[in-house]
PDB file of N, CA and C in Angstrom:
ATOM      1  N   UNK A   1      88.144 124.788 146.822  1.00  0.00           N
ATOM      2  CA  UNK A   1      87.263 124.412 145.755  1.00  0.00           C
ATOM      3  C   UNK A   1      87.981 123.588 144.690  1.00  0.00           C
ATOM      4  N   UNK A   2      89.158 124.004 144.315  1.00  0.00           N
ATOM      5  CA  UNK A   2      89.948 123.287 143.321  1.00  0.00           C
ATOM      6  C   UNK A   2      90.287 121.892 143.844  1.00  0.00           C
ATOM      7  N   UNK A   3      90.540 121.806 145.131  1.00  0.00           N
ATOM      8  CA  UNK A   3      90.876 120.514 145.730  1.00  0.00           C
ATOM      9  C   UNK A   3      89.691 119.558 145.647  1.00  0.00           C
ATOM     10  N   UNK A   4      88.504 120.088 145.850  1.00  0.00           N
ATOM     11  CA  UNK A   4      87.310 119.252 145.781  1.00  0.00           C
ATOM     12  C   UNK A   4      87.100 118.760 144.352  1.00  0.00           C
ATOM     13  N   UNK A   5      87.281 119.629 143.385  1.00  0.00           N
ATOM     14  CA  UNK A   5      87.126 119.251 141.970  1.00  0.00           C
ATOM     15  C   UNK A   5      88.158 118.210 141.598  1.00  0.00           C
ATOM     16  N   UNK A   6      89.400 118.390 142.047  1.00  0.00           N
ATOM     17  CA  UNK A   6      90.458 117.409 141.756  1.00  0.00           C
ATOM     18  C   UNK A   6      90.117 116.063 142.393  1.00  0.00           C
ATOM     19  N   UNK A   7      89.583 116.083 143.599  1.00  0.00           N
ATOM     20  CA  UNK A   7      89.212 114.851 144.275  1.00  0.00           C
ATOM     21  C   UNK A   7      88.069 114.158 143.525  1.00  0.00           C
ATOM     22  N   UNK A   8      87.085 114.931 143.078  1.00  0.00           N
ATOM     23  CA  UNK A   8      85.974 114.364 142.315  1.00  0.00           C
ATOM     24  C   UNK A   8      86.443 113.765 140.991  1.00  0.00           C
ATOM     25  N   UNK A   9      87.315 114.479 140.292  1.00  0.00           N
ATOM     26  CA  UNK A   9      87.856 113.980 139.019  1.00  0.00           C
ATOM     27  C   UNK A   9      88.633 112.696 139.258  1.00  0.00           C
ATOM     28  N   UNK A  10      89.425 112.656 140.326  1.00  0.00           N
ATOM     29  CA  UNK A  10      90.192 111.444 140.648  1.00  0.00           C
ATOM     30  C   UNK A  10      89.261 110.287 140.972  1.00  0.00           C
ATOM     31  N   UNK A  11      88.208 110.568 141.715  1.00  0.00           N
ATOM     32  CA  UNK A  11      87.252 109.531 142.076  1.00  0.00           C
ATOM     33  C   UNK A  11      86.527 109.008 140.838  1.00  0.00           C
ATOM     34  N   UNK A  12      86.113 109.917 139.966  1.00  0.00           N
ATOM     35  CA  UNK A  12      85.435 109.513 138.724  1.00  0.00           C
ATOM     36  C   UNK A  12      86.374 108.700 137.840  1.00  0.00           C
ATOM     37  N   UNK A  13      87.638 109.106 137.761  1.00  0.00           N
ATOM     38  CA  UNK A  13      88.624 108.373 136.965  1.00  0.00           C
ATOM     39  C   UNK A  13      88.831 106.979 137.538  1.00  0.00           C
ATOM     40  N   UNK A  14      88.869 106.872 138.872  1.00  0.00           N
ATOM     41  CA  UNK A  14      89.046 105.576 139.519  1.00  0.00           C
ATOM     42  C   UNK A  14      87.843 104.674 139.236  1.00  0.00           C
ATOM     43  N   UNK A  15      86.652 105.250 139.270  1.00  0.00           N
ATOM     44  CA  UNK A  15      85.442 104.473 138.974  1.00  0.00           C
ATOM     45  C   UNK A  15      85.454 103.988 137.533  1.00  0.00           C
ATOM     46  N   UNK A  16      85.839 104.861 136.615  1.00  0.00           N
ATOM     47  CA  UNK A  16      85.898 104.487 135.198  1.00  0.00           C
ATOM     48  C   UNK A  16      86.897 103.358 134.986  1.00  0.00           C
ATOM     49  N   UNK A  17      88.053 103.435 135.632  1.00  0.00           N
ATOM     50  CA  UNK A  17      89.076 102.387 135.507  1.00  0.00           C
ATOM     51  C   UNK A  17      88.533 101.065 136.058  1.00  0.00           C
ATOM     52  N   UNK A  18      87.846 101.124 137.193  1.00  0.00           N
ATOM     53  CA  UNK A  18      87.267  99.907 137.781  1.00  0.00           C
ATOM     54  C   UNK A  18      86.225  99.287 136.849  1.00  0.00           C
ATOM     55  N   UNK A  19      85.382 100.122 136.277  1.00  0.00           N
ATOM     56  CA  UNK A  19      84.351  99.623 135.365  1.00  0.00           C
ATOM     57  C   UNK A  19      84.986  98.994 134.138  1.00  0.00           C
ATOM     58  N   UNK A  20      85.988  99.634 133.581  1.00  0.00           N
ATOM     59  CA  UNK A  20      86.664  99.084 132.400  1.00  0.00           C
ATOM     60  C   UNK A  20      87.357  97.763 132.726  1.00  0.00           C
ATOM     61  N   UNK A  21      88.017  97.699 133.884  1.00  0.00           N
ATOM     62  CA  UNK A  21      88.674  96.448 134.287  1.00  0.00           C
ATOM     63  C   UNK A  21      87.638  95.340 134.498  1.00  0.00           C
ATOM     64  N   UNK A  22      86.525  95.688 135.125  1.00  0.00           N
ATOM     65  CA  UNK A  22      85.460  94.709 135.365  1.00  0.00           C
ATOM     66  C   UNK A  22      84.897  94.200 134.035  1.00  0.00           C
ATOM     67  N   UNK A  23      84.700  95.105 133.096  1.00  0.00           N
ATOM     68  CA  UNK A  23      84.184  94.730 131.777  1.00  0.00           C
ATOM     69  C   UNK A  23      85.162  93.802 131.065  1.00  0.00           C
ATOM     70  N   UNK A  24      86.442  94.107 131.139  1.00  0.00           N
ATOM     71  CA  UNK A  24      87.457  93.270 130.508  1.00  0.00           C
ATOM     72  C   UNK A  24      87.489  91.891 131.165  1.00  0.00           C
ATOM     73  N   UNK A  25      87.361  91.851 132.493  1.00  0.00           N
ATOM     74  CA  UNK A  25      87.354  90.569 133.202  1.00  0.00           C
ATOM     75  C   UNK A  25      86.126  89.744 132.828  1.00  0.00           C
ATOM     76  N   UNK A  26      84.978  90.412 132.691  1.00  0.00           N
ATOM     77  CA  UNK A  26      83.767  89.697 132.298  1.00  0.00           C
ATOM     78  C   UNK A  26      83.903  89.119 130.904  1.00  0.00           C
ATOM     79  N   UNK A  27      84.478  89.882 129.987  1.00  0.00           N
ATOM     80  CA  UNK A  27      84.681  89.374 128.626  1.00  0.00           C
ATOM     81  C   UNK A  27      85.606  88.165 128.641  1.00  0.00           C
ATOM     82  N   UNK A  28      86.640  88.225 129.463  1.00  0.00           N
ATOM     83  CA  UNK A  28      87.581  87.109 129.570  1.00  0.00           C
ATOM     84  C   UNK A  28      86.878  85.876 130.136  1.00  0.00           C
ATOM     85  N   UNK A  29      86.049  86.064 131.169  1.00  0.00           N
ATOM     86  CA  UNK A  29      85.321  84.952 131.758  1.00  0.00           C
ATOM     87  C   UNK A  29      84.331  84.336 130.763  1.00  0.00           C
ATOM     88  N   UNK A  30      83.653  85.176 130.005  1.00  0.00           N
ATOM     89  CA  UNK A  30      82.707  84.680 129.000  1.00  0.00           C
ATOM     90  C   UNK A  30      83.446  83.881 127.934  1.00  0.00           C
ATOM     91  N   UNK A  31      84.596  84.379 127.524  1.00  0.00           N
ATOM     92  CA  UNK A  31      85.389  83.688 126.505  1.00  0.00           C
ATOM     93  C   UNK A  31      85.865  82.326 127.028  1.00  0.00           C
ATOM     94  N   UNK A  32      86.309  82.284 128.281  1.00  0.00           N
ATOM     95  CA  UNK A  32      86.746  81.019 128.872  1.00  0.00           C
ATOM     96  C   UNK A  32      85.580  80.041 128.988  1.00  0.00           C
ATOM     97  N   UNK A  33      84.408  80.543 129.376  1.00  0.00           N
ATOM     98  CA  UNK A  33      83.235  79.686 129.496  1.00  0.00           C
ATOM     99  C   UNK A  33      82.812  79.140 128.134  1.00  0.00           C
ATOM    100  N   UNK A  34      82.877  79.961 127.115  1.00  0.00           N
ATOM    101  CA  UNK A  34      82.547  79.509 125.762  1.00  0.00           C
ATOM    102  C   UNK A  34      83.501  78.404 125.316  1.00  0.00           C
ATOM    103  N   UNK A  35      84.779  78.569 125.657  1.00  0.00           N
ATOM    104  CA  UNK A  35      85.779  77.562 125.297  1.00  0.00           C
ATOM    105  C   UNK A  35      85.486  76.246 126.014  1.00  0.00           C
ATOM    106  N   UNK A  36      85.143  76.327 127.309  1.00  0.00           N
ATOM    107  CA  UNK A  36      84.816  75.122 128.069  1.00  0.00           C
ATOM    108  C   UNK A  36      83.561  74.449 127.505  1.00  0.00           C
ATOM    109  N   UNK A  37      82.571  75.245 127.146  1.00  0.00           N
ATOM    110  CA  UNK A  37      81.341  74.691 126.577  1.00  0.00           C
ATOM    111  C   UNK A  37      81.619  73.967 125.266  1.00  0.00           C
ATOM    112  N   UNK A  38      82.451  74.567 124.441  1.00  0.00           N
ATOM    113  CA  UNK A  38      82.785  73.957 123.151  1.00  0.00           C
ATOM    114  C   UNK A  38      83.532  72.633 123.359  1.00  0.00           C
ATOM    115  N   UNK A  39      84.462  72.621 124.305  1.00  0.00           N
ATOM    116  CA  UNK A  39      85.206  71.390 124.596  1.00  0.00           C
ATOM    117  C   UNK A  39      84.273  70.304 125.121  1.00  0.00           C
ATOM    118  N   UNK A  40      83.319  70.679 125.993  1.00  0.00           N
ATOM    119  CA  UNK A  40      82.361  69.722 126.530  1.00  0.00           C
ATOM    120  C   UNK A  40      81.494  69.151 125.421  1.00  0.00           C
ATOM    121  N   UNK A  41      81.061  69.994 124.499  1.00  0.00           N
ATOM    122  CA  UNK A  41      80.248  69.526 123.371  1.00  0.00           C
ATOM    123  C   UNK A  41      81.030  68.554 122.499  1.00  0.00           C
ATOM    124  N   UNK A  42      82.310  68.834 122.283  1.00  0.00           N
ATOM    125  CA  UNK A  42      83.148  67.931 121.481  1.00  0.00           C
ATOM    126  C   UNK A  42      83.279  66.574 122.166  1.00  0.00           C
ATOM    127  N   UNK A  43      83.492  66.591 123.505  1.00  0.00           N
ATOM    128  CA  UNK A  43      83.595  65.325 124.243  1.00  0.00           C
ATOM    129  C   UNK A  43      82.281  64.553 124.161  1.00  0.00           C
ATOM    130  N   UNK A  44      81.161  65.249 124.249  1.00  0.00           N
ATOM    131  CA  UNK A  44      79.859  64.589 124.146  1.00  0.00           C
ATOM    132  C   UNK A  44      79.668  63.980 122.763  1.00  0.00           C
ATOM    133  N   UNK A  45      80.092  64.696 121.728  1.00  0.00           N
ATOM    134  CA  UNK A  45      79.973  64.155 120.366  1.00  0.00           C
ATOM    135  C   UNK A  45      80.812  62.888 120.222  1.00  0.00           C
ATOM    136  N   UNK A  46      82.023  62.899 120.777  1.00  0.00           N
ATOM    137  CA  UNK A  46      82.885  61.724 120.699  1.00  0.00           C
ATOM    138  C   UNK A  46      82.265  60.541 121.447  1.00  0.00           C
ATOM    139  N   UNK A  47      81.694  60.809 122.628  1.00  0.00           N
ATOM    140  CA  UNK A  47      81.048  59.738 123.387  1.00  0.00           C
ATOM    141  C   UNK A  47      79.840  59.196 122.640  1.00  0.00           C
ATOM    142  N   UNK A  48      79.052  60.064 122.030  1.00  0.00           N
ATOM    143  CA  UNK A  48      77.893  59.618 121.261  1.00  0.00           C
ATOM    144  C   UNK A  48      78.315  58.753 120.082  1.00  0.00           C
ATOM    145  N   UNK A  49      79.378  59.165 119.418  1.00  0.00           N
ATOM    146  CA  UNK A  49      79.868  58.387 118.280  1.00  0.00           C
ATOM    147  C   UNK A  49      80.342  57.004 118.749  1.00  0.00           C
ATOM    148  N   UNK A  50      81.072  56.975 119.860  1.00  0.00           N
ATOM    149  CA  UNK A  50      81.543  55.694 120.398  1.00  0.00           C
ATOM    150  C   UNK A  50      80.362  54.827 120.828  1.00  0.00           C
ATOM    151  N   UNK A  51      79.340  55.444 121.413  1.00  0.00           N
ATOM    152  CA  UNK A  51      78.152  54.706 121.844  1.00  0.00           C
ATOM    153  C   UNK A  51      77.430  54.109 120.633  1.00  0.00           C
ATOM    154  N   UNK A  52      77.334  54.876 119.557  1.00  0.00           N
ATOM    155  CA  UNK A  52      76.684  54.376 118.343  1.00  0.00           C
ATOM    156  C   UNK A  52      77.459  53.212 117.746  1.00  0.00           C
ATOM    157  N   UNK A  53      78.783  53.336 117.721  1.00  0.00           N
ATOM    158  CA  UNK A  53      79.609  52.250 117.188  1.00  0.00           C
ATOM    159  C   UNK A  53      79.453  50.997 118.048  1.00  0.00           C
ATOM    160  N   UNK A  54      79.392  51.183 119.365  1.00  0.00           N
ATOM    161  CA  UNK A  54      79.228  50.046 120.270  1.00  0.00           C
ATOM    162  C   UNK A  54      77.885  49.356 120.025  1.00  0.00           C
ATOM    163  N   UNK A  55      76.844  50.129 119.868  1.00  0.00           N
ATOM    164  CA  UNK A  55      75.526  49.549 119.598  1.00  0.00           C
ATOM    165  C   UNK A  55      75.523  48.784 118.283  1.00  0.00           C
ATOM    166  N   UNK A  56      76.197  49.328 117.280  1.00  0.00           N
ATOM    167  CA  UNK A  56      76.283  48.629 115.997  1.00  0.00           C
ATOM    168  C   UNK A  56      77.021  47.301 116.149  1.00  0.00           C
ATOM    169  N   UNK A  57      78.081  47.296 116.933  1.00  0.00           N
ATOM    170  CA  UNK A  57      78.823  46.054 117.181  1.00  0.00           C
ATOM    171  C   UNK A  57      77.943  45.044 117.909  1.00  0.00           C
ATOM    172  N   UNK A  58      77.158  45.516 118.888  1.00  0.00           N
ATOM    173  CA  UNK A  58      76.255  44.611 119.605  1.00  0.00           C
ATOM    174  C   UNK A  58      75.208  44.007 118.670  1.00  0.00           C
ATOM    175  N   UNK A  59      74.677  44.824 117.779  1.00  0.00           N
ATOM    176  CA  UNK A  59      73.680  44.328 116.823  1.00  0.00           C
ATOM    177  C   UNK A  59      74.309  43.289 115.906  1.00  0.00           C
ATOM    178  N   UNK A  60      75.507  43.578 115.429  1.00  0.00           N
ATOM    179  CA  UNK A  60      76.189  42.618 114.554  1.00  0.00           C
ATOM    180  C   UNK A  60      76.509  41.324 115.306  1.00  0.00           C
ATOM    181  N   UNK A  61      76.911  41.456 116.573  1.00  0.00           N
ATOM    182  CA  UNK A  61      77.212  40.269 117.378  1.00  0.00           C
ATOM    183  C   UNK A  61      75.969  39.416 117.567  1.00  0.00           C
ATOM    184  N   UNK A  62      74.842  40.056 117.818  1.00  0.00           N
ATOM    185  CA  UNK A  62      73.580  39.320 117.973  1.00  0.00           C
ATOM    186  C   UNK A  62      73.224  38.595 116.684  1.00  0.00           C
ATOM    187  N   UNK A  63      73.364  39.289 115.576  1.00  0.00           N
ATOM    188  CA  UNK A  63      73.062  38.664 114.282  1.00  0.00           C
ATOM    189  C   UNK A  63      73.994  37.489 114.009  1.00  0.00           C
ATOM    190  N   UNK A  64      75.258  37.649 114.352  1.00  0.00           N
ATOM    191  CA  UNK A  64      76.219  36.561 114.139  1.00  0.00           C
ATOM    192  C   UNK A  64      75.885  35.362 115.016  1.00  0.00           C
ATOM    193  N   UNK A  65      75.496  35.628 116.261  1.00  0.00           N
ATOM    194  CA  UNK A  65      75.152  34.530 117.170  1.00  0.00           C
ATOM    195  C   UNK A  65      73.913  33.781 116.672  1.00  0.00           C
ATOM    196  N   UNK A  66      72.930  34.514 116.197  1.00  0.00           N
ATOM    197  CA  UNK A  66      71.725  33.869 115.658  1.00  0.00           C
ATOM    198  C   UNK A  66      72.084  33.045 114.422  1.00  0.00           C
ATOM    199  N   UNK A  67      72.901  33.601 113.540  1.00  0.00           N
ATOM    200  CA  UNK A  67      73.286  32.875 112.322  1.00  0.00           C
ATOM    201  C   UNK A  67      74.053  31.608 112.676  1.00  0.00           C
ATOM    202  N   UNK A  68      74.942  31.705 113.651  1.00  0.00           N
ATOM    203  CA  UNK A  68      75.702  30.528 114.059  1.00  0.00           C
ATOM    204  C   UNK A  68      74.774  29.476 114.669  1.00  0.00           C
ATOM    205  N   UNK A  69      73.844  29.915 115.495  1.00  0.00           N
ATOM    206  CA  UNK A  69      72.895  28.978 116.090  1.00  0.00           C
ATOM    207  C   UNK A  69      72.045  28.285 115.042  1.00  0.00           C
ATOM    208  N   UNK A  70      71.574  29.059 114.069  1.00  0.00           N
ATOM    209  CA  UNK A  70      70.774  28.463 112.987  1.00  0.00           C
ATOM    210  C   UNK A  70      71.590  27.456 112.183  1.00  0.00           C
ATOM    211  N   UNK A  71      72.815  27.840 111.857  1.00  0.00           N
ATOM    212  CA  UNK A  71      73.664  26.935 111.065  1.00  0.00           C
ATOM    213  C   UNK A  71      73.945  25.646 111.829  1.00  0.00           C
ATOM    214  N   UNK A  72      74.219  25.782 113.107  1.00  0.00           N
ATOM    215  CA  UNK A  72      74.490  24.595 113.927  1.00  0.00           C
ATOM    216  C   UNK A  72      73.259  23.700 114.009  1.00  0.00           C
ATOM    217  N   UNK A  73      72.102  24.304 114.232  1.00  0.00           N
ATOM    218  CA  UNK A  73      70.866  23.516 114.335  1.00  0.00           C
ATOM    219  C   UNK A  73      70.561  22.804 113.028  1.00  0.00           C
ATOM    220  N   UNK A  74      70.757  23.490 111.921  1.00  0.00           N
ATOM    221  CA  UNK A  74      70.481  22.854 110.619  1.00  0.00           C
ATOM    222  C   UNK A  74      71.483  21.725 110.338  1.00  0.00           C
ATOM    223  N   UNK A  75      72.724  21.931 110.759  1.00  0.00           N
ATOM    224  CA  UNK A  75      73.725  20.878 110.566  1.00  0.00           C
ATOM    225  C   UNK A  75      73.384  19.658 111.407  1.00  0.00           C
ATOM    226  N   UNK A  76      72.948  19.876 112.628  1.00  0.00           N
ATOM    227  CA  UNK A  76      72.574  18.754 113.493  1.00  0.00           C
ATOM    228  C   UNK A  76      71.361  18.027 112.916  1.00  0.00           C
ATOM    229  N   UNK A  77      70.435  18.761 112.339  1.00  0.00           N
ATOM    230  CA  UNK A  77      69.246  18.134 111.752  1.00  0.00           C
ATOM    231  C   UNK A  77      69.615  17.197 110.598  1.00  0.00           C
ATOM    232  N   UNK A  78      70.720  17.497 109.916  1.00  0.00           N
ATOM    233  CA  UNK A  78      71.109  16.681 108.761  1.00  0.00           C
ATOM    234  C   UNK A  78      71.850  15.403 109.158  1.00  0.00           C
ATOM    235  N   UNK A  79      72.249  15.309 110.408  1.00  0.00           N
ATOM    236  CA  UNK A  79      72.945  14.102 110.869  1.00  0.00           C
ATOM    237  C   UNK A  79      71.908  12.991 110.991  1.00  0.00           C
ATOM    238  N   UNK A  80      72.143  11.867 110.281  1.00  0.00           N
ATOM    239  CA  UNK A  80      71.131  10.796 110.271  1.00  0.00           C
ATOM    240  C   UNK A  80      70.834  10.221 111.662  1.00  0.00           C
ATOM    241  N   UNK A  81      71.852  10.079 112.499  1.00  0.00           N
ATOM    242  CA  UNK A  81      71.651   9.457 113.812  1.00  0.00           C
ATOM    243  C   UNK A  81      71.112  10.434 114.847  1.00  0.00           C
ATOM    244  N   UNK A  82      71.126  11.726 114.534  1.00  0.00           N
ATOM    245  CA  UNK A  82      70.648  12.720 115.498  1.00  0.00           C
ATOM    246  C   UNK A  82      69.129  12.734 115.480  1.00  0.00           C
ATOM    247  N   UNK A  83      68.561  12.592 116.612  1.00  0.00           N
ATOM    248  CA  UNK A  83      67.105  12.612 116.726  1.00  0.00           C
ATOM    249  C   UNK A  83      66.698  13.965 117.284  1.00  0.00           C
ATOM    250  N   UNK A  84      66.368  14.875 116.382  1.00  0.00           N
ATOM    251  CA  UNK A  84      65.978  16.225 116.798  1.00  0.00           C
ATOM    252  C   UNK A  84      64.539  16.205 117.277  1.00  0.00           C
ATOM    253  N   UNK A  85      64.340  16.755 118.418  1.00  0.00           N
ATOM    254  CA  UNK A  85      62.985  16.824 118.940  1.00  0.00           C
ATOM    255  C   UNK A  85      62.337  18.144 118.503  1.00  0.00           C
ATOM    256  N   UNK A  86      61.150  18.379 118.958  1.00  0.00           N
ATOM    257  CA  UNK A  86      60.436  19.593 118.579  1.00  0.00           C
ATOM    258  C   UNK A  86      61.094  20.862 119.094  1.00  0.00           C
ATOM    259  N   UNK A  87      61.904  20.719 120.153  1.00  0.00           N
ATOM    260  CA  UNK A  87      62.574  21.898 120.694  1.00  0.00           C
ATOM    261  C   UNK A  87      63.500  22.535 119.660  1.00  0.00           C
ATOM    262  N   UNK A  88      64.177  21.703 118.888  1.00  0.00           N
ATOM    263  CA  UNK A  88      65.107  22.223 117.879  1.00  0.00           C
ATOM    264  C   UNK A  88      64.336  23.027 116.833  1.00  0.00           C
ATOM    265  N   UNK A  89      63.220  22.497 116.391  1.00  0.00           N
ATOM    266  CA  UNK A  89      62.421  23.192 115.379  1.00  0.00           C
ATOM    267  C   UNK A  89      61.844  24.492 115.943  1.00  0.00           C
ATOM    268  N   UNK A  90      61.382  24.445 117.176  1.00  0.00           N
ATOM    269  CA  UNK A  90      60.838  25.644 117.819  1.00  0.00           C
ATOM    270  C   UNK A  90      61.921  26.704 118.000  1.00  0.00           C
ATOM    271  N   UNK A  91      63.116  26.263 118.359  1.00  0.00           N
ATOM    272  CA  UNK A  91      64.222  27.203 118.552  1.00  0.00           C
ATOM    273  C   UNK A  91      64.590  27.871 117.227  1.00  0.00           C
ATOM    274  N   UNK A  92      64.591  27.103 116.157  1.00  0.00           N
ATOM    275  CA  UNK A  92      64.888  27.674 114.841  1.00  0.00           C
ATOM    276  C   UNK A  92      63.822  28.695 114.433  1.00  0.00           C
ATOM    277  N   UNK A  93      62.575  28.351 114.658  1.00  0.00           N
ATOM    278  CA  UNK A  93      61.494  29.286 114.327  1.00  0.00           C
ATOM    279  C   UNK A  93      61.593  30.558 115.161  1.00  0.00           C
ATOM    280  N   UNK A  94      61.908  30.388 116.449  1.00  0.00           N
ATOM    281  CA  UNK A  94      62.035  31.546 117.332  1.00  0.00           C
ATOM    282  C   UNK A  94      63.206  32.426 116.898  1.00  0.00           C
ATOM    283  N   UNK A  95      64.325  31.808 116.555  1.00  0.00           N
ATOM    284  CA  UNK A  95      65.493  32.566 116.114  1.00  0.00           C
ATOM    285  C   UNK A  95      65.174  33.355 114.846  1.00  0.00           C
ATOM    286  N   UNK A  96      64.461  32.722 113.915  1.00  0.00           N
ATOM    287  CA  UNK A  96      64.085  33.411 112.675  1.00  0.00           C
ATOM    288  C   UNK A  96      63.140  34.575 112.983  1.00  0.00           C
ATOM    289  N   UNK A  97      62.206  34.356 113.899  1.00  0.00           N
ATOM    290  CA  UNK A  97      61.258  35.406 114.272  1.00  0.00           C
ATOM    291  C   UNK A  97      61.990  36.609 114.882  1.00  0.00           C
ATOM    292  N   UNK A  98      62.895  36.340 115.813  1.00  0.00           N
ATOM    293  CA  UNK A  98      63.645  37.414 116.471  1.00  0.00           C
ATOM    294  C   UNK A  98      64.518  38.152 115.464  1.00  0.00           C
ATOM    295  N   UNK A  99      65.132  37.394 114.569  1.00  0.00           N
ATOM    296  CA  UNK A  99      65.988  38.006 113.556  1.00  0.00           C
ATOM    297  C   UNK A  99      65.182  38.968 112.681  1.00  0.00           C
ATOM    298  N   UNK A 100      64.007  38.557 112.278  1.00  0.00           N
ATOM    299  CA  UNK A 100      63.160  39.405 111.426  1.00  0.00           C
ATOM    300  C   UNK A 100      62.628  40.611 112.199  1.00  0.00           C
ATOM    301  N   UNK A 101      62.267  40.402 113.471  1.00  0.00           N
ATOM    302  CA  UNK A 101      61.818  41.536 114.292  1.00  0.00           C
ATOM    303  C   UNK A 101      62.923  42.572 114.439  1.00  0.00           C
ATOM    304  N   UNK A 102      64.147  42.095 114.668  1.00  0.00           N
ATOM    305  CA  UNK A 102      65.271  43.022 114.805  1.00  0.00           C
ATOM    306  C   UNK A 102      65.511  43.769 113.494  1.00  0.00           C
ATOM    307  N   UNK A 103      65.452  43.054 112.388  1.00  0.00           N
ATOM    308  CA  UNK A 103      65.656  43.676 111.080  1.00  0.00           C
ATOM    309  C   UNK A 103      64.575  44.721 110.803  1.00  0.00           C
ATOM    310  N   UNK A 104      63.326  44.390 111.120  1.00  0.00           N
ATOM    311  CA  UNK A 104      62.222  45.333 110.918  1.00  0.00           C
ATOM    312  C   UNK A 104      62.382  46.562 111.800  1.00  0.00           C
ATOM    313  N   UNK A 105      62.767  46.345 113.058  1.00  0.00           N
ATOM    314  CA  UNK A 105      62.961  47.469 113.972  1.00  0.00           C
ATOM    315  C   UNK A 105      64.055  48.395 113.461  1.00  0.00           C
ATOM    316  N   UNK A 106      65.184  47.823 113.060  1.00  0.00           N
ATOM    317  CA  UNK A 106      66.295  48.648 112.574  1.00  0.00           C
ATOM    318  C   UNK A 106      65.906  49.393 111.304  1.00  0.00           C
ATOM    319  N   UNK A 107      65.128  48.759 110.446  1.00  0.00           N
ATOM    320  CA  UNK A 107      64.674  49.431 109.229  1.00  0.00           C
ATOM    321  C   UNK A 107      63.759  50.600 109.570  1.00  0.00           C
ATOM    322  N   UNK A 108      62.846  50.388 110.539  1.00  0.00           N
ATOM    323  CA  UNK A 108      61.950  51.488 110.924  1.00  0.00           C
ATOM    324  C   UNK A 108      62.720  52.621 111.567  1.00  0.00           C
ATOM    325  N   UNK A 109      63.766  52.301 112.325  1.00  0.00           N
ATOM    326  CA  UNK A 109      64.586  53.362 112.936  1.00  0.00           C
ATOM    327  C   UNK A 109      65.352  54.134 111.871  1.00  0.00           C
ATOM    328  N   UNK A 110      65.807  53.440 110.859  1.00  0.00           N
ATOM    329  CA  UNK A 110      66.497  54.125 109.767  1.00  0.00           C
ATOM    330  C   UNK A 110      65.568  55.058 109.009  1.00  0.00           C
ATOM    331  N   UNK A 111      64.358  54.612 108.779  1.00  0.00           N
ATOM    332  CA  UNK A 111      63.371  55.456 108.083  1.00  0.00           C
ATOM    333  C   UNK A 111      62.999  56.639 108.963  1.00  0.00           C
ATOM    334  N   UNK A 112      62.819  56.386 110.270  1.00  0.00           N
ATOM    335  CA  UNK A 112      62.453  57.486 111.195  1.00  0.00           C
ATOM    336  C   UNK A 112      63.569  58.524 111.255  1.00  0.00           C
ATOM    337  N   UNK A 113      64.827  58.084 111.137  1.00  0.00           N
ATOM    338  CA  UNK A 113      65.956  59.018 111.192  1.00  0.00           C
ATOM    339  C   UNK A 113      65.992  59.924 109.962  1.00  0.00           C
ATOM    340  N   UNK A 114      65.435  59.443 108.864  1.00  0.00           N
ATOM    341  CA  UNK A 114      65.432  60.242 107.644  1.00  0.00           C
ATOM    342  C   UNK A 114      64.447  61.414 107.728  1.00  0.00           C
ATOM    343  N   UNK A 115      63.396  61.235 108.511  1.00  0.00           N
ATOM    344  CA  UNK A 115      62.345  62.266 108.560  1.00  0.00           C
ATOM    345  C   UNK A 115      62.372  62.981 109.843  1.00  0.00           C
TER     346      UNK A 115
END
């Protein structure tokens, strides 16, 4: 009888040790997963920031190209011997239209971001 009780106590102790070890391992795994999740979120934030900066550079490049095109067209128009056809005037009007549309869009996006 004593042997059976000792065997049961040993078995219960072994089960308790296994449960405690399993619990500790689960906590360790959860902690590691949380760390990986946090690192992934940081990488995503960095990529988003870089993407936003890239988009801003593209917008500025577009604006610079339009400004350069307008300046060049206006300079050519002032040359007495240059015979500007209607295409030059249409291109200037189109460039101004696109520039204003882009400015309006960016303004609406800025306002939408506030609310």
